[in-house]
All heavy atoms as atom14 arrays in JSON, in Angstrom:
{
  "sequence": "RGRHTTTRRELFPTPWGGLVLDTPGMRELQLWDAGEGVE",
  "atom14_mask": [
    [1, 1, 1, 1, 1, 1, 1, 1, 1, 1, 1, 0, 0, 0],
    [1, 1, 1, 1, 0, 0, 0, 0, 0, 0, 0, 0, 0, 0],
    [1, 1, 1, 1, 1, 1, 1, 1, 1, 1, 1, 0, 0, 0],
    [1, 1, 1, 1, 1, 1, 1, 1, 1, 1, 0, 0, 0, 0],
    [1, 1, 1, 1, 1, 1, 1, 0, 0, 0, 0, 0, 0, 0],
    [1, 1, 1, 1, 1, 1, 1, 0, 0, 0, 0, 0, 0, 0],
    [1, 1, 1, 1, 1, 1, 1, 0, 0, 0, 0, 0, 0, 0],
    [1, 1, 1, 1, 1, 1, 1, 1, 1, 1, 1, 0, 0, 0],
    [1, 1, 1, 1, 1, 1, 1, 1, 1, 1, 1, 0, 0, 0],
    [1, 1, 1, 1, 1, 1, 1, 1, 1, 0, 0, 0, 0, 0],
    [1, 1, 1, 1, 1, 1, 1, 1, 0, 0, 0, 0, 0, 0],
    [1, 1, 1, 1, 1, 1, 1, 1, 1, 1, 1, 0, 0, 0],
    [1, 1, 1, 1, 1, 1, 1, 0, 0, 0, 0, 0, 0, 0],
    [1, 1, 1, 1, 1, 1, 1, 0, 0, 0, 0, 0, 0, 0],
    [1, 1, 1, 1, 1, 1, 1, 0, 0, 0, 0, 0, 0, 0],
    [1, 1, 1, 1, 1, 1, 1, 1, 1, 1, 1, 1, 1, 1],
    [1, 1, 1, 1, 0, 0, 0, 0, 0, 0, 0, 0, 0, 0],
    [1, 1, 1, 1, 0, 0, 0, 0, 0, 0, 0, 0, 0, 0],
    [1, 1, 1, 1, 1, 1, 1, 1, 0, 0, 0, 0, 0, 0],
    [1, 1, 1, 1, 1, 1, 1, 0, 0, 0, 0, 0, 0, 0],
    [1, 1, 1, 1, 1, 1, 1, 1, 0, 0, 0, 0, 0, 0],
    [1, 1, 1, 1, 1, 1, 1, 1, 0, 0, 0, 0, 0, 0],
    [1, 1, 1, 1, 1, 1, 1, 0, 0, 0, 0, 0, 0, 0],
    [1, 1, 1, 1, 1, 1, 1, 0, 0, 0, 0, 0, 0, 0],
    [1, 1, 1, 1, 0, 0, 0, 0, 0, 0, 0, 0, 0, 0],
    [1, 1, 1, 1, 1, 1, 1, 1, 0, 0, 0, 0, 0, 0],
    [1, 1, 1, 1, 1, 1, 1, 1, 1, 1, 1, 0, 0, 0],
    [1, 1, 1, 1, 1, 1, 1, 1, 1, 0, 0, 0, 0, 0],
    [1, 1, 1, 1, 1, 1, 1, 1, 0, 0, 0, 0, 0, 0],
    [1, 1, 1, 1, 1, 1, 1, 1, 1, 0, 0, 0, 0, 0],
    [1, 1, 1, 1, 1, 1, 1, 1, 0, 0, 0, 0, 0, 0],
    [1, 1, 1, 1, 1, 1, 1, 1, 1, 1, 1, 1, 1, 1],
    [1, 1, 1, 1, 1, 1, 1, 1, 0, 0, 0, 0, 0, 0],
    [1, 1, 1, 1, 1, 0, 0, 0, 0, 0, 0, 0, 0, 0],
    [1, 1, 1, 1, 0, 0, 0, 0, 0, 0, 0, 0, 0, 0],
    [1, 1, 1, 1, 1, 1, 1, 1, 1, 0, 0, 0, 0, 0],
    [1, 1, 1, 1, 0, 0, 0, 0, 0, 0, 0, 0, 0, 0],
    [1, 1, 1, 1, 1, 1, 1, 0, 0, 0, 0, 0, 0, 0],
    [1, 1, 1, 1, 1, 1, 1, 1, 1, 0, 0, 0, 0, 0]
  ],
  "atom14_positions": [
    [[-12.06, 0.74, -0.75], [-10.91, -0.15, -0.62], [-10.69, -0.87, -1.92], [-11.59, -1.06, -2.73], [-11.14, -1.14, 0.52], [-11.24, -0.44, 1.87], [-11.4, -1.43, 2.96], [-10.2, -2.26, 3.04], [-9.39, -2.29, 4.08], [-9.65, -1.54, 5.12], [-8.33, -3.06, 4.1], [0.0, 0.0, 0.0], [0.0, 0.0, 0.0], [0.0, 0.0, 0.0]],
    [[-9.44, -1.3, -2.11], [-9.09, -1.99, -3.34], [-9.65, -3.39, -3.42], [-10.01, -3.99, -2.43], [0.0, 0.0, 0.0], [0.0, 0.0, 0.0], [0.0, 0.0, 0.0], [0.0, 0.0, 0.0], [0.0, 0.0, 0.0], [0.0, 0.0, 0.0], [0.0, 0.0, 0.0], [0.0, 0.0, 0.0], [0.0, 0.0, 0.0], [0.0, 0.0, 0.0]],
    [[-9.74, -3.87, -4.65], [-10.17, -5.24, -4.9], [-8.94, -6.02, -5.32], [-8.09, -5.52, -6.02], [-11.19, -5.27, -6.03], [-12.41, -4.45, -5.73], [-13.32, -4.41, -6.94], [-14.36, -3.43, -6.71], [-15.47, -3.39, -7.39], [-15.7, -4.26, -8.34], [-16.37, -2.47, -7.14], [0.0, 0.0, 0.0], [0.0, 0.0, 0.0], [0.0, 0.0, 0.0]],
    [[-8.86, -7.27, -4.91], [-7.72, -8.1, -5.27], [-7.85, -8.49, -6.75], [-8.47, -9.47, -7.09], [-7.66, -9.34, -4.39], [-7.36, -9.02, -2.97], [-6.09, -8.66, -2.55], [-8.13, -8.97, -1.88], [-6.11, -8.43, -1.26], [-7.35, -8.6, -0.82], [0.0, 0.0, 0.0], [0.0, 0.0, 0.0], [0.0, 0.0, 0.0], [0.0, 0.0, 0.0]],
    [[-7.25, -7.69, -7.62], [-7.32, -7.93, -9.06], [-6.06, -8.65, -9.52], [-6.13, -9.64, -10.22], [-7.5, -6.61, -9.82], [-8.63, -5.93, -9.27], [-7.72, -6.85, -11.29], [0.0, 0.0, 0.0], [0.0, 0.0, 0.0], [0.0, 0.0, 0.0], [0.0, 0.0, 0.0], [0.0, 0.0, 0.0], [0.0, 0.0, 0.0], [0.0, 0.0, 0.0]],
    [[-4.9, -8.13, -9.13], [-3.63, -8.78, -9.48], [-3.46, -9.96, -8.54], [-3.51, -9.81, -7.32], [-2.45, -7.78, -9.32], [-2.7, -6.64, -10.14], [-1.14, -8.42, -9.7], [0.0, 0.0, 0.0], [0.0, 0.0, 0.0], [0.0, 0.0, 0.0], [0.0, 0.0, 0.0], [0.0, 0.0, 0.0], [0.0, 0.0, 0.0], [0.0, 0.0, 0.0]],
    [[-3.25, -11.15, -9.12], [-3.18, -12.35, -8.31], [-1.78, -12.96, -8.23], [-1.55, -13.87, -7.45], [-4.15, -13.42, -8.84], [-3.82, -13.68, -10.21], [-5.59, -12.95, -8.73], [0.0, 0.0, 0.0], [0.0, 0.0, 0.0], [0.0, 0.0, 0.0], [0.0, 0.0, 0.0], [0.0, 0.0, 0.0], [0.0, 0.0, 0.0], [0.0, 0.0, 0.0]],
    [[-0.85, -12.46, -9.05], [0.51, -12.99, -9.01], [1.5, -11.91, -9.38], [1.14, -10.89, -9.99], [0.64, -14.18, -9.95], [0.52, -13.8, -11.42], [0.56, -15.07, -12.29], [0.78, -14.77, -13.68], [-0.13, -14.31, -14.51], [-1.35, -14.07, -14.08], [0.16, -14.1, -15.77], [0.0, 0.0, 0.0], [0.0, 0.0, 0.0], [0.0, 0.0, 0.0]],
    [[2.75, -12.13, -9.0], [3.81, -11.18, -9.38], [4.09, -11.35, -10.86], [4.09, -12.47, -11.38], [5.09, -11.47, -8.58], [4.93, -11.18, -7.11], [6.19, -11.53, -6.34], [6.54, -12.94, -6.42], [6.07, -13.88, -5.62], [5.22, -13.57, -4.68], [6.43, -15.14, -5.77], [0.0, 0.0, 0.0], [0.0, 0.0, 0.0], [0.0, 0.0, 0.0]],
    [[4.33, -10.23, -11.52], [4.63, -10.3, -12.94], [5.64, -9.23, -13.3], [5.56, -8.09, -12.83], [3.34, -10.12, -13.76], [3.47, -10.68, -15.15], [2.13, -10.91, -15.82], [1.09, -10.92, -15.13], [2.13, -11.06, -17.05], [0.0, 0.0, 0.0], [0.0, 0.0, 0.0], [0.0, 0.0, 0.0], [0.0, 0.0, 0.0], [0.0, 0.0, 0.0]],
    [[6.61, -9.6, -14.13], [7.71, -8.73, -14.51], [7.51, -8.23, -15.93], [7.19, -9.02, -16.82], [9.01, -9.54, -14.41], [10.32, -8.85, -14.27], [10.35, -7.92, -13.07], [11.45, -9.89, -14.15], [0.0, 0.0, 0.0], [0.0, 0.0, 0.0], [0.0, 0.0, 0.0], [0.0, 0.0, 0.0], [0.0, 0.0, 0.0], [0.0, 0.0, 0.0]],
    [[7.69, -6.91, -16.14], [7.49, -6.31, -17.47], [8.69, -5.44, -17.85], [9.18, -4.68, -17.0], [6.25, -5.41, -17.48], [4.97, -6.12, -17.15], [4.46, -6.11, -15.85], [4.27, -6.81, -18.13], [3.3, -6.75, -15.54], [3.09, -7.45, -17.82], [2.6, -7.43, -16.53], [0.0, 0.0, 0.0], [0.0, 0.0, 0.0], [0.0, 0.0, 0.0]],
    [[9.13, -5.51, -19.1], [10.18, -4.59, -19.56], [9.58, -3.18, -19.76], [8.47, -3.05, -20.27], [10.65, -5.18, -20.89], [9.54, -6.08, -21.33], [8.76, -6.48, -20.12], [0.0, 0.0, 0.0], [0.0, 0.0, 0.0], [0.0, 0.0, 0.0], [0.0, 0.0, 0.0], [0.0, 0.0, 0.0], [0.0, 0.0, 0.0], [0.0, 0.0, 0.0]],
    [[10.3, -2.16, -19.33], [9.81, -0.79, -19.48], [10.42, -0.16, -20.73], [11.42, -0.64, -21.24], [10.2, 0.07, -18.26], [11.62, 0.25, -18.25], [9.72, -0.56, -16.96], [0.0, 0.0, 0.0], [0.0, 0.0, 0.0], [0.0, 0.0, 0.0], [0.0, 0.0, 0.0], [0.0, 0.0, 0.0], [0.0, 0.0, 0.0], [0.0, 0.0, 0.0]],
    [[9.84, 0.94, -21.2], [10.4, 1.62, -22.37], [11.79, 2.18, -22.12], [12.52, 2.51, -23.06], [9.42, 2.76, -22.65], [8.26, 2.56, -21.76], [8.62, 1.55, -20.74], [0.0, 0.0, 0.0], [0.0, 0.0, 0.0], [0.0, 0.0, 0.0], [0.0, 0.0, 0.0], [0.0, 0.0, 0.0], [0.0, 0.0, 0.0], [0.0, 0.0, 0.0]],
    [[12.19, 2.29, -20.85], [13.48, 2.89, -20.51], [14.59, 1.86, -20.36], [15.72, 2.2, -20.03], [13.34, 3.71, -19.23], [12.23, 4.72, -19.32], [12.15, 5.77, -20.2], [11.06, 4.76, -18.54], [10.99, 6.46, -20.02], [10.28, 5.86, -18.98], [10.56, 3.99, -17.5], [9.07, 6.2, -18.42], [9.34, 4.33, -16.94], [8.61, 5.42, -17.42]],
    [[14.27, 0.57, -20.53], [15.31, -0.46, -20.49], [15.29, -1.32, -19.24], [15.83, -2.42, -19.23], [0.0, 0.0, 0.0], [0.0, 0.0, 0.0], [0.0, 0.0, 0.0], [0.0, 0.0, 0.0], [0.0, 0.0, 0.0], [0.0, 0.0, 0.0], [0.0, 0.0, 0.0], [0.0, 0.0, 0.0], [0.0, 0.0, 0.0], [0.0, 0.0, 0.0]],
    [[14.72, -0.84, -18.16], [14.65, -1.62, -16.93], [13.4, -2.46, -16.88], [12.63, -2.54, -17.85], [0.0, 0.0, 0.0], [0.0, 0.0, 0.0], [0.0, 0.0, 0.0], [0.0, 0.0, 0.0], [0.0, 0.0, 0.0], [0.0, 0.0, 0.0], [0.0, 0.0, 0.0], [0.0, 0.0, 0.0], [0.0, 0.0, 0.0], [0.0, 0.0, 0.0]],
    [[13.18, -3.1, -15.74], [12.02, -3.95, -15.54], [11.18, -3.42, -14.39], [11.72, -2.86, -13.43], [12.47, -5.38, -15.21], [13.33, -6.08, -16.27], [13.91, -7.37, -15.7], [12.51, -6.36, -17.51], [0.0, 0.0, 0.0], [0.0, 0.0, 0.0], [0.0, 0.0, 0.0], [0.0, 0.0, 0.0], [0.0, 0.0, 0.0], [0.0, 0.0, 0.0]],
    [[9.87, -3.64, -14.48], [8.97, -3.28, -13.37], [8.25, -4.55, -12.94], [7.78, -5.33, -13.76], [7.98, -2.16, -13.75], [7.07, -2.56, -14.9], [7.17, -1.73, -12.53], [0.0, 0.0, 0.0], [0.0, 0.0, 0.0], [0.0, 0.0, 0.0], [0.0, 0.0, 0.0], [0.0, 0.0, 0.0], [0.0, 0.0, 0.0], [0.0, 0.0, 0.0]],
    [[8.22, -4.76, -11.61], [7.57, -5.93, -11.04], [6.26, -5.48, -10.4], [6.26, -4.69, -9.46], [8.48, -6.56, -9.97], [7.91, -7.74, -9.19], [7.69, -8.94, -10.11], [8.84, -8.11, -8.05], [0.0, 0.0, 0.0], [0.0, 0.0, 0.0], [0.0, 0.0, 0.0], [0.0, 0.0, 0.0], [0.0, 0.0, 0.0], [0.0, 0.0, 0.0]],
    [[5.15, -5.96, -10.95], [3.84, -5.67, -10.37], [3.52, -6.79, -9.4], [3.77, -7.96, -9.68], [2.78, -5.59, -11.47], [1.47, -5.0, -10.97], [1.43, -4.45, -9.85], [0.47, -5.09, -11.71], [0.0, 0.0, 0.0], [0.0, 0.0, 0.0], [0.0, 0.0, 0.0], [0.0, 0.0, 0.0], [0.0, 0.0, 0.0], [0.0, 0.0, 0.0]],
    [[3.01, -6.43, -8.24], [2.74, -7.42, -7.19], [1.3, -7.31, -6.72], [0.69, -6.25, -6.81], [3.66, -7.19, -5.98], [3.41, -5.89, -5.44], [5.12, -7.32, -6.36], [0.0, 0.0, 0.0], [0.0, 0.0, 0.0], [0.0, 0.0, 0.0], [0.0, 0.0, 0.0], [0.0, 0.0, 0.0], [0.0, 0.0, 0.0], [0.0, 0.0, 0.0]],
    [[0.75, -8.41, -6.18], [-0.58, -8.32, -5.57], [-0.53, -7.41, -4.34], [0.55, -7.13, -3.83], [-0.9, -9.76, -5.16], [0.08, -10.61, -5.86], [1.29, -9.76, -6.12], [0.0, 0.0, 0.0], [0.0, 0.0, 0.0], [0.0, 0.0, 0.0], [0.0, 0.0, 0.0], [0.0, 0.0, 0.0], [0.0, 0.0, 0.0], [0.0, 0.0, 0.0]],
    [[-1.68, -6.99, -3.88], [-1.72, -6.13, -2.69], [-1.13, -6.81, -1.48], [-1.22, -8.01, -1.32], [0.0, 0.0, 0.0], [0.0, 0.0, 0.0], [0.0, 0.0, 0.0], [0.0, 0.0, 0.0], [0.0, 0.0, 0.0], [0.0, 0.0, 0.0], [0.0, 0.0, 0.0], [0.0, 0.0, 0.0], [0.0, 0.0, 0.0], [0.0, 0.0, 0.0]],
    [[-0.5, -6.0, -0.64], [0.13, -6.51, 0.57], [-0.75, -6.21, 1.77], [-1.33, -5.15, 1.86], [1.48, -5.84, 0.77], [2.44, -6.16, -0.34], [3.96, -5.22, -0.23], [4.4, -5.38, 1.46], [0.0, 0.0, 0.0], [0.0, 0.0, 0.0], [0.0, 0.0, 0.0], [0.0, 0.0, 0.0], [0.0, 0.0, 0.0], [0.0, 0.0, 0.0]],
    [[-0.79, -7.13, 2.71], [-1.54, -6.9, 3.95], [-0.66, -6.21, 4.97], [-1.13, -5.46, 5.8], [-2.03, -8.22, 4.52], [-3.07, -8.85, 3.64], [-3.47, -10.19, 4.23], [-4.08, -11.02, 3.21], [-5.37, -11.11, 3.0], [-6.19, -10.42, 3.71], [-5.83, -11.89, 2.07], [0.0, 0.0, 0.0], [0.0, 0.0, 0.0], [0.0, 0.0, 0.0]],
    [[0.66, -6.49, 4.93], [1.52, -5.93, 5.95], [2.92, -5.77, 5.38], [3.41, -6.62, 4.64], [1.56, -6.86, 7.17], [2.45, -6.38, 8.27], [2.42, -7.31, 9.47], [2.38, -8.53, 9.29], [2.44, -6.79, 10.59], [0.0, 0.0, 0.0], [0.0, 0.0, 0.0], [0.0, 0.0, 0.0], [0.0, 0.0, 0.0], [0.0, 0.0, 0.0]],
    [[3.57, -4.7, 5.73], [4.95, -4.46, 5.37], [5.66, -4.09, 6.66], [5.27, -3.15, 7.35], [5.05, -3.3, 4.36], [6.45, -2.89, 3.93], [7.12, -4.03, 3.16], [6.4, -1.65, 3.07], [0.0, 0.0, 0.0], [0.0, 0.0, 0.0], [0.0, 0.0, 0.0], [0.0, 0.0, 0.0], [0.0, 0.0, 0.0], [0.0, 0.0, 0.0]],
    [[6.66, -4.88, 7.02], [7.35, -4.6, 8.27], [8.65, -3.87, 8.02], [9.31, -4.08, 7.01], [7.65, -5.9, 9.02], [6.42, -6.56, 9.55], [6.75, -7.78, 10.38], [7.79, -8.39, 10.2], [5.87, -8.12, 11.28], [0.0, 0.0, 0.0], [0.0, 0.0, 0.0], [0.0, 0.0, 0.0], [0.0, 0.0, 0.0], [0.0, 0.0, 0.0]],
    [[9.01, -3.04, 8.97], [10.28, -2.35, 8.92], [11.39, -3.33, 9.24], [11.18, -4.28, 9.96], [10.29, -1.22, 9.96], [9.22, -0.16, 9.8], [9.21, 0.74, 11.02], [9.48, 0.64, 8.55], [0.0, 0.0, 0.0], [0.0, 0.0, 0.0], [0.0, 0.0, 0.0], [0.0, 0.0, 0.0], [0.0, 0.0, 0.0], [0.0, 0.0, 0.0]],
    [[12.58, -3.07, 8.76], [13.69, -3.91, 9.16], [14.55, -3.1, 10.11], [14.29, -3.03, 11.28], [14.45, -4.44, 7.95], [15.53, -5.37, 8.37], [16.85, -5.26, 8.14], [15.37, -6.58, 9.13], [17.53, -6.3, 8.72], [16.65, -7.13, 9.33], [14.29, -7.24, 9.69], [16.88, -8.3, 10.04], [14.51, -8.41, 10.4], [15.79, -8.93, 10.56]],
    [[15.55, -2.41, 9.64], [16.41, -1.64, 10.53], [16.12, -0.17, 10.27], [16.85, 0.49, 9.57], [17.88, -1.97, 10.27], [18.79, -1.28, 11.25], [18.3, -0.79, 12.28], [20.0, -1.23, 10.99], [0.0, 0.0, 0.0], [0.0, 0.0, 0.0], [0.0, 0.0, 0.0], [0.0, 0.0, 0.0], [0.0, 0.0, 0.0], [0.0, 0.0, 0.0]],
    [[15.05, 0.33, 10.86], [14.58, 1.67, 10.52], [14.84, 2.71, 11.59], [14.4, 3.83, 11.45], [13.08, 1.61, 10.23], [0.0, 0.0, 0.0], [0.0, 0.0, 0.0], [0.0, 0.0, 0.0], [0.0, 0.0, 0.0], [0.0, 0.0, 0.0], [0.0, 0.0, 0.0], [0.0, 0.0, 0.0], [0.0, 0.0, 0.0], [0.0, 0.0, 0.0]],
    [[15.54, 2.36, 12.66], [15.75, 3.3, 13.76], [16.27, 4.65, 13.3], [15.7, 5.69, 13.58], [0.0, 0.0, 0.0], [0.0, 0.0, 0.0], [0.0, 0.0, 0.0], [0.0, 0.0, 0.0], [0.0, 0.0, 0.0], [0.0, 0.0, 0.0], [0.0, 0.0, 0.0], [0.0, 0.0, 0.0], [0.0, 0.0, 0.0], [0.0, 0.0, 0.0]],
    [[17.38, 4.63, 12.56], [17.96, 5.89, 12.07], [17.08, 6.53, 11.01], [17.01, 7.74, 10.91], [19.37, 5.64, 11.52], [20.37, 5.3, 12.6], [21.75, 5.01, 12.04], [22.04, 5.44, 10.9], [22.53, 4.36, 12.74], [0.0, 0.0, 0.0], [0.0, 0.0, 0.0], [0.0, 0.0, 0.0], [0.0, 0.0, 0.0], [0.0, 0.0, 0.0]],
    [[16.39, 5.71, 10.22], [15.51, 6.24, 9.18], [14.35, 7.01, 9.77], [13.95, 8.04, 9.24], [0.0, 0.0, 0.0], [0.0, 0.0, 0.0], [0.0, 0.0, 0.0], [0.0, 0.0, 0.0], [0.0, 0.0, 0.0], [0.0, 0.0, 0.0], [0.0, 0.0, 0.0], [0.0, 0.0, 0.0], [0.0, 0.0, 0.0], [0.0, 0.0, 0.0]],
    [[13.79, 6.5, 10.87], [12.67, 7.19, 11.53], [13.17, 8.52, 12.07], [12.52, 9.56, 11.91], [12.06, 6.33, 12.66], [11.04, 7.12, 13.46], [11.4, 5.09, 12.06], [0.0, 0.0, 0.0], [0.0, 0.0, 0.0], [0.0, 0.0, 0.0], [0.0, 0.0, 0.0], [0.0, 0.0, 0.0], [0.0, 0.0, 0.0], [0.0, 0.0, 0.0]],
    [[14.35, 8.51, 12.68], [14.92, 9.75, 13.21], [15.15, 10.77, 12.1], [14.87, 11.96, 12.27], [16.24, 9.46, 13.93], [16.06, 8.69, 15.22], [17.38, 8.21, 15.81], [18.46, 8.65, 15.35], [17.32, 7.4, 16.74], [0.0, 0.0, 0.0], [0.0, 0.0, 0.0], [0.0, 0.0, 0.0], [0.0, 0.0, 0.0], [0.0, 0.0, 0.0]]
  ]
}
């Protein structure tokens, strides 16, 4: 299992011009309106 190394969200510029947001590990991610997506 992973270790909690990243402790805060951090934003970085990428070589392609956009940004990437690194986040700490999540315990739970809930679906929102996924009925049609599951189908």
